[in-house]
């Protein structure tokens, strides 16, 4: 499973995720060094720029909106809706497919007691670009393919889709079927992305960490560790972080763990999302505002709109984008 996107060709107000040029290498990082940390340069982190990126994203995700650091966050609420995807003349959406639990994560689902397709409320979606130039290297890869169940988003395939931000596409697809505040797990199937895959293979599962790949154990990486921060700072980790930043009010959700495991000769990943309890000065718990779409936010003030536009301009200047390449995905039979 690997992401590939390019700069938006249509105006979208939302996450700044699209790479200005597909000629950029997938291991070229999106954050400028002077925006990584106000205190520490990347070379003081054990895992370098990836860890620095991940720490910054984690700070943006977990800090309440009253925190001054959140004002520097360049990721705005996602506004893309599923109906926008359906209206697009570039895309062809197929929902007439039979859902199934991918065999790579079948055991995971059983242990987490996630309801399978036989319980209903389960959709499998494939999105293609029928008029896109033929991809001779990966002709069978969908623009987006995955499955949606209550609390679960399974991403199996993504490749470039000019005009659309992939984290926003994931958000729009899930939110079309279930309230976004029910999202608990994001699965990435058969990870082949060069940046994320190479980090796990070469830097995480190595002799200095007492690990080797393939590994017969499930590994859970938790917040506060260098490994968690570095995984969140990889290309695929950042995509999940952008999804959360675009979907939820700051400081209301967080990634509680990143799980990596070997299954069917490939790397599988799971990002667990949990609610952060909010308290007012009297100690009373406040329910977080989970729906960040504009239809629930009401009209924007002039100052808010001005800030949105300024951040949109700034994020494109910084290149805060997804950087990926298409790849062949192993298909799993129903």
Protein backbone atom coordinates (compact mmCIF):
# COMPACT_ATOMS: atom_id res chain seq x y z
CA UNK A 1 0.00 0.00 0.00
CA UNK A 2 1.51 3.27 -1.10
CA UNK A 3 0.39 6.81 -1.68
CA UNK A 4 1.02 8.91 -4.77
CA UNK A 5 -0.46 12.37 -5.22
CA UNK A 6 0.25 15.62 -7.01
CA UNK A 7 -0.65 19.26 -6.62
CA UNK A 8 -4.35 20.11 -6.65
CA UNK A 9 -5.68 21.23 -10.03
CA UNK A 10 -8.97 22.49 -8.57
CA UNK A 11 -9.40 24.90 -5.65
CA UNK A 12 -9.93 23.03 -2.39
CA UNK A 13 -9.90 24.56 1.06
CA UNK A 14 -8.48 21.96 3.39
CA UNK A 15 -5.34 19.98 4.00
CA UNK A 16 -2.22 21.07 2.14
CA UNK A 17 -1.10 17.62 1.16
CA UNK A 18 -0.38 17.60 -2.53
CA UNK A 19 3.15 17.51 -3.85
CA UNK A 20 3.96 20.44 -6.15
CA UNK A 21 6.01 18.20 -8.44
CA UNK A 22 5.99 14.45 -8.86
CA UNK A 23 9.66 14.69 -9.83
CA UNK A 24 10.57 15.12 -6.15
CA UNK A 25 12.06 11.99 -4.63
CA UNK A 26 9.83 10.20 -2.16
CA UNK A 27 12.48 10.51 0.53
CA UNK A 28 12.65 14.29 0.19
CA UNK A 29 11.02 15.65 3.32
CA UNK A 30 8.17 18.12 3.36
CA UNK A 31 8.93 20.14 6.49
CA UNK A 32 11.48 22.93 6.35
CA UNK A 33 14.05 22.50 9.11
CA UNK A 34 13.21 25.84 10.69
CA UNK A 35 9.60 24.71 11.16
CA UNK A 36 10.38 21.37 12.76
CA UNK A 37 11.13 22.44 16.29
CA UNK A 38 11.68 25.82 17.93
CA UNK A 39 14.18 24.21 20.28
CA UNK A 40 16.03 21.37 18.60
CA UNK A 41 17.36 20.84 15.05
CA UNK A 42 16.69 17.46 13.36
CA UNK A 43 20.22 16.17 13.89
CA UNK A 44 19.72 15.94 17.67
CA UNK A 45 16.93 13.39 17.25
CA UNK A 46 17.78 9.71 17.23
CA UNK A 47 15.84 9.18 14.01
CA UNK A 48 16.59 12.58 12.51
CA UNK A 49 14.06 14.52 10.50
CA UNK A 50 11.41 11.80 10.57
CA UNK A 51 11.30 11.93 14.36
CA UNK A 52 11.32 15.73 14.35
CA UNK A 53 8.42 15.77 11.90
CA UNK A 54 6.49 13.27 13.99
CA UNK A 55 7.02 15.19 17.21
CA UNK A 56 5.74 18.38 15.62
CA UNK A 57 2.68 16.64 14.21
CA UNK A 58 1.97 14.97 17.55
CA UNK A 59 2.18 18.38 19.23
CA UNK A 60 -0.26 19.88 16.73
CA UNK A 61 -2.67 16.97 17.18
CA UNK A 62 -2.65 16.78 20.98
CA UNK A 63 -2.38 20.44 21.99
CA UNK A 64 -5.67 22.27 22.66
CA UNK A 65 -6.53 25.13 20.35
CA UNK A 66 -5.70 27.59 23.14
CA UNK A 67 -2.06 26.47 22.96
CA UNK A 68 0.06 29.06 21.07
CA UNK A 69 1.79 26.29 19.08
CA UNK A 70 -1.50 25.32 17.43
CA UNK A 71 -1.65 28.73 15.76
CA UNK A 72 1.38 27.64 13.71
CA UNK A 73 -0.33 24.48 12.47
CA UNK A 74 -0.62 24.64 8.69
CA UNK A 75 -3.30 21.97 8.40
CA UNK A 76 -6.84 23.30 8.13
CA UNK A 77 -10.14 21.44 8.65
CA UNK A 78 -11.01 19.14 5.77
CA UNK A 79 -13.99 20.27 3.70
CA UNK A 80 -13.98 17.69 0.90
CA UNK A 81 -17.15 15.60 0.81
CA UNK A 82 -17.93 12.29 -0.84
CA UNK A 83 -20.44 14.03 -3.11
CA UNK A 84 -17.54 16.12 -4.44
CA UNK A 85 -15.76 12.93 -5.42
CA UNK A 86 -18.90 11.61 -7.10
CA UNK A 87 -19.41 14.85 -9.01
CA UNK A 88 -15.87 14.89 -10.33
CA UNK A 89 -15.61 14.09 -14.01
CA UNK A 90 -12.07 12.83 -13.40
CA UNK A 91 -13.14 9.97 -11.17
CA UNK A 92 -15.17 6.80 -11.52
CA UNK A 93 -16.41 5.33 -8.25
CA UNK A 94 -17.38 1.68 -7.91
CA UNK A 95 -19.25 0.67 -4.77
CA UNK A 96 -20.76 -2.46 -6.27
CA UNK A 97 -18.07 -4.70 -4.83
CA UNK A 98 -18.18 -7.36 -2.15
CA UNK A 99 -16.48 -6.39 1.13
CA UNK A 100 -14.23 -8.80 2.95
CA UNK A 101 -11.67 -8.74 5.74
CA UNK A 102 -8.20 -8.74 4.15
CA UNK A 103 -6.41 -11.88 5.23
CA UNK A 104 -3.41 -9.81 6.29
CA UNK A 105 -5.40 -8.35 9.22
CA UNK A 106 -7.99 -11.08 9.80
CA UNK A 107 -6.47 -12.09 13.14
CA UNK A 108 -6.29 -8.44 14.17
CA UNK A 109 -10.01 -8.02 13.63
CA UNK A 110 -10.84 -11.11 15.66
CA UNK A 111 -8.74 -9.93 18.61
CA UNK A 112 -10.22 -6.43 18.54
CA UNK A 113 -13.74 -7.87 18.13
CA UNK A 114 -14.39 -5.73 15.08
CA UNK A 115 -17.60 -6.71 13.31
CA UNK A 116 -16.94 -8.24 9.89
CA UNK A 117 -18.85 -7.81 6.61
CA UNK A 118 -21.49 -10.37 7.59
CA UNK A 119 -22.69 -7.92 10.22
CA UNK A 120 -23.63 -5.33 7.59
CA UNK A 121 -22.64 -1.65 7.71
CA UNK A 122 -19.57 -2.41 5.62
CA UNK A 123 -18.56 -0.87 2.30
CA UNK A 124 -15.82 -1.57 -0.21
CA UNK A 125 -14.95 1.25 -2.57
CA UNK A 126 -12.75 1.51 -5.63
CA UNK A 127 -11.99 4.85 -7.30
CA UNK A 128 -10.38 5.14 -10.71
CA UNK A 129 -9.43 7.82 -13.22
CA UNK A 130 -10.74 6.41 -16.51
CA UNK A 131 -9.21 9.18 -18.65
CA UNK A 132 -5.82 9.22 -16.94
CA UNK A 133 -2.77 8.34 -19.06
CA UNK A 134 -2.07 4.61 -18.87
CA UNK A 135 0.39 3.55 -16.20
CA UNK A 136 2.51 0.93 -17.95
CA UNK A 137 4.28 -0.08 -14.75
CA UNK A 138 1.20 -0.39 -12.53
CA UNK A 139 -1.81 -0.69 -14.85
CA UNK A 140 -4.05 -2.48 -12.34
CA UNK A 141 -3.70 -0.12 -9.40
CA UNK A 142 -6.78 1.85 -8.40
CA UNK A 143 -6.61 5.54 -7.61
CA UNK A 144 -8.09 4.61 -4.22
CA UNK A 145 -9.27 1.27 -2.96
CA UNK A 146 -10.24 0.34 0.54
CA UNK A 147 -12.97 -0.66 2.92
CA UNK A 148 -15.01 1.11 5.57
CA UNK A 149 -16.61 -0.45 8.63
CA UNK A 150 -17.85 1.08 11.88
CA UNK A 151 -14.72 2.49 13.51
CA UNK A 152 -12.34 1.18 10.86
CA UNK A 153 -10.77 2.56 7.67
CA UNK A 154 -8.77 0.04 5.64
CA UNK A 155 -6.57 1.59 2.96
CA UNK A 156 -5.37 -0.92 0.37
CA UNK A 157 -4.39 1.23 -2.63
CA UNK A 158 -3.80 4.86 -3.45
CA UNK A 159 -2.02 6.51 -6.34
CA UNK A 160 -1.98 9.97 -7.82
CA UNK A 161 -5.24 11.82 -8.31
CA UNK A 162 -4.69 15.37 -9.57
CA UNK A 163 -7.04 17.75 -7.84
CA UNK A 164 -7.59 15.73 -4.68
CA UNK A 165 -5.80 15.47 -1.36
CA UNK A 166 -5.51 11.83 -0.33
CA UNK A 167 -5.95 12.41 3.40
CA UNK A 168 -9.10 14.36 2.59
CA UNK A 169 -10.31 11.57 0.32
CA UNK A 170 -9.94 9.10 3.21
CA UNK A 171 -11.83 11.47 5.49
CA UNK A 172 -14.62 12.04 2.97
CA UNK A 173 -15.10 8.34 2.29
CA UNK A 174 -15.31 7.38 5.95
CA UNK A 175 -17.54 10.32 6.88
CA UNK A 176 -19.98 9.46 4.10
CA UNK A 177 -20.78 6.20 5.88
CA UNK A 178 -20.20 6.87 9.57
CA UNK A 179 -19.79 9.87 11.90
CA UNK A 180 -16.13 10.82 11.89
CA UNK A 181 -15.96 10.69 15.69
CA UNK A 182 -16.44 6.92 15.48
CA UNK A 183 -13.14 6.38 13.66
CA UNK A 184 -10.86 4.28 15.90
CA UNK A 185 -8.44 2.46 13.58
CA UNK A 186 -6.71 3.18 10.27
CA UNK A 187 -5.12 0.13 8.63
CA UNK A 188 -2.50 0.37 5.88
CA UNK A 189 -2.27 -2.90 3.99
CA UNK A 190 0.91 -4.26 2.38
CA UNK A 191 3.02 -1.16 2.97
CA UNK A 192 5.51 -0.61 0.17
CA UNK A 193 6.01 3.15 0.34
CA UNK A 194 9.73 3.75 -0.06
CA UNK A 195 10.12 6.15 2.87
CA UNK A 196 7.97 4.29 5.40
CA UNK A 197 9.07 0.81 4.34
CA UNK A 198 12.77 1.63 4.36
CA UNK A 199 12.54 3.25 7.80
CA UNK A 200 10.87 0.19 9.29
CA UNK A 201 13.20 -2.27 7.57
CA UNK A 202 16.49 -0.42 8.01
CA UNK A 203 16.14 1.82 11.06
CA UNK A 204 13.48 0.27 13.27
CA UNK A 205 13.94 -3.47 12.86
CA UNK A 206 17.69 -3.61 13.16
CA UNK A 207 20.35 -5.09 15.39
CA UNK A 208 20.80 -1.95 17.50
CA UNK A 209 17.13 -2.19 18.52
CA UNK A 210 17.37 -5.95 19.07
CA UNK A 211 14.95 -6.58 16.20
CA UNK A 212 15.04 -8.18 12.78
CA UNK A 213 12.62 -8.44 9.85
CA UNK A 214 10.57 -10.50 9.31
CA UNK A 215 9.39 -10.44 12.89
CA UNK A 216 6.99 -12.99 14.34
CA UNK A 217 5.62 -10.59 16.95
CA UNK A 218 3.24 -7.65 16.82
CA UNK A 219 5.01 -4.47 17.91
CA UNK A 220 3.12 -1.55 19.45
CA UNK A 221 4.89 1.80 19.46
CA UNK A 222 3.47 4.31 21.94
CA UNK A 223 3.59 8.11 22.31
CA UNK A 224 6.61 9.47 24.09
CA UNK A 225 9.05 7.11 22.37
CA UNK A 226 11.46 8.04 19.61
CA UNK A 227 10.19 5.16 17.50
CA UNK A 228 6.57 6.34 17.68
CA UNK A 229 7.56 9.87 16.69
CA UNK A 230 9.66 8.64 13.79
CA UNK A 231 6.88 6.37 12.47
CA UNK A 232 4.42 9.27 12.65
CA UNK A 233 6.95 11.36 10.74
CA UNK A 234 7.25 8.97 7.80
CA UNK A 235 5.25 9.68 4.67
CA UNK A 236 2.41 7.30 5.54
CA UNK A 237 2.45 8.34 9.18
CA UNK A 238 2.12 11.96 8.16
CA UNK A 239 -0.82 11.11 5.94
CA UNK A 240 -2.69 9.63 8.92
CA UNK A 241 -1.69 12.66 11.01
CA UNK A 242 -3.08 14.99 8.32
CA UNK A 243 -6.30 12.97 8.32
CA UNK A 244 -6.67 13.49 12.08
CA UNK A 245 -5.75 17.17 11.92
CA UNK A 246 -8.32 17.74 9.20
CA UNK A 247 -11.05 15.74 10.89
CA UNK A 248 -10.94 16.72 14.56
CA UNK A 249 -10.63 19.80 16.72
CA UNK A 250 -7.10 20.14 18.07
CA UNK A 251 -6.54 18.40 21.38
CA UNK A 252 -9.59 16.13 21.16
CA UNK A 253 -8.08 13.04 19.51
CA UNK A 254 -4.63 11.51 19.37
CA UNK A 255 -2.80 8.53 17.91
CA UNK A 256 -2.54 6.24 20.93
CA UNK A 257 -0.30 3.68 19.23
CA UNK A 258 1.22 2.70 15.93
CA UNK A 259 1.29 -1.05 15.38
CA UNK A 260 3.62 -2.80 12.96
CA UNK A 261 3.59 -6.48 12.11
CA UNK A 262 4.62 -8.97 9.44
CA UNK A 263 1.84 -10.77 7.62
CA UNK A 264 1.88 -12.60 4.28
CA UNK A 265 5.40 -11.43 3.44
CA UNK A 266 4.56 -7.75 3.84
CA UNK A 267 4.52 -4.93 6.37
CA UNK A 268 1.12 -4.13 7.85
CA UNK A 269 0.38 -1.04 9.94
CA UNK A 270 -2.39 0.02 12.27
CA UNK A 271 -2.91 3.49 13.71
CA UNK A 272 -5.16 3.53 16.77
CA UNK A 273 -7.05 6.77 17.44
CA UNK A 274 -8.41 7.61 20.88
CA UNK A 275 -10.35 10.47 22.42
CA UNK A 276 -8.58 12.93 24.71
CA UNK A 277 -10.73 13.83 27.70
CA UNK A 278 -11.40 17.54 28.01
CA UNK A 279 -11.88 19.31 31.34
CA UNK A 280 -12.98 22.83 32.14
CA UNK A 281 -11.63 24.74 35.18
CA UNK A 282 -14.24 23.11 37.44
CA UNK A 283 -13.00 19.66 36.44
CA UNK A 284 -16.12 18.73 34.50
CA UNK A 285 -15.47 16.57 31.46
CA UNK A 286 -16.33 18.25 28.17
CA UNK A 287 -17.20 16.25 25.09
CA UNK A 288 -14.88 17.14 22.20
CA UNK A 289 -16.17 18.77 19.07
CA UNK A 290 -15.44 15.98 16.61
CA UNK A 291 -16.97 17.19 13.35
CA UNK A 292 -14.66 19.73 11.71
CA UNK A 293 -16.56 20.16 8.45
CA UNK A 294 -17.80 23.60 7.46
CA UNK A 295 -21.45 22.53 7.48
CA UNK A 296 -21.24 22.21 11.26
CA UNK A 297 -18.90 25.14 11.86
CA UNK A 298 -21.21 27.83 10.53
CA UNK A 299 -20.09 30.88 8.57
CA UNK A 300 -16.48 31.91 9.02
CA UNK A 301 -15.61 35.31 10.40
CA UNK A 302 -13.50 37.58 8.24
CA UNK A 303 -10.53 37.08 10.55
CA UNK A 304 -10.90 33.30 10.44
CA UNK A 305 -11.20 33.34 6.67
CA UNK A 306 -8.16 35.59 6.40
CA UNK A 307 -6.15 33.24 8.62
CA UNK A 308 -7.25 30.25 6.55
CA UNK A 309 -6.10 31.91 3.35
CA UNK A 310 -2.79 32.94 4.89
CA UNK A 311 -2.12 29.43 6.11
CA UNK A 312 -3.12 27.96 2.77
CA UNK A 313 -0.61 30.23 1.04
CA UNK A 314 2.08 29.46 3.59
CA UNK A 315 1.68 25.70 3.48
CA UNK A 316 2.08 25.63 -0.30
CA UNK A 317 5.20 27.76 0.00
CA UNK A 318 6.60 25.29 2.53
CA UNK A 319 5.56 22.29 0.44
CA UNK A 320 3.61 20.64 3.27
CA UNK A 321 2.50 17.87 0.96
CA UNK A 322 2.23 14.14 0.51
CA UNK A 323 5.15 12.65 -1.43
CA UNK A 324 4.65 9.21 -2.84
CA UNK A 325 4.88 6.86 -5.76
CA UNK A 326 2.51 4.19 -7.10
CA UNK A 327 3.32 0.57 -6.47
CA UNK A 328 1.90 -2.83 -7.17
CA UNK A 329 -0.36 -4.06 -4.41
CA UNK A 330 -0.92 -7.68 -3.54
CA UNK A 331 -4.56 -8.52 -4.09
CA UNK A 332 -6.39 -10.63 -1.50
CA UNK A 333 -9.21 -12.86 -2.52
CA UNK A 334 -12.56 -12.52 -0.73
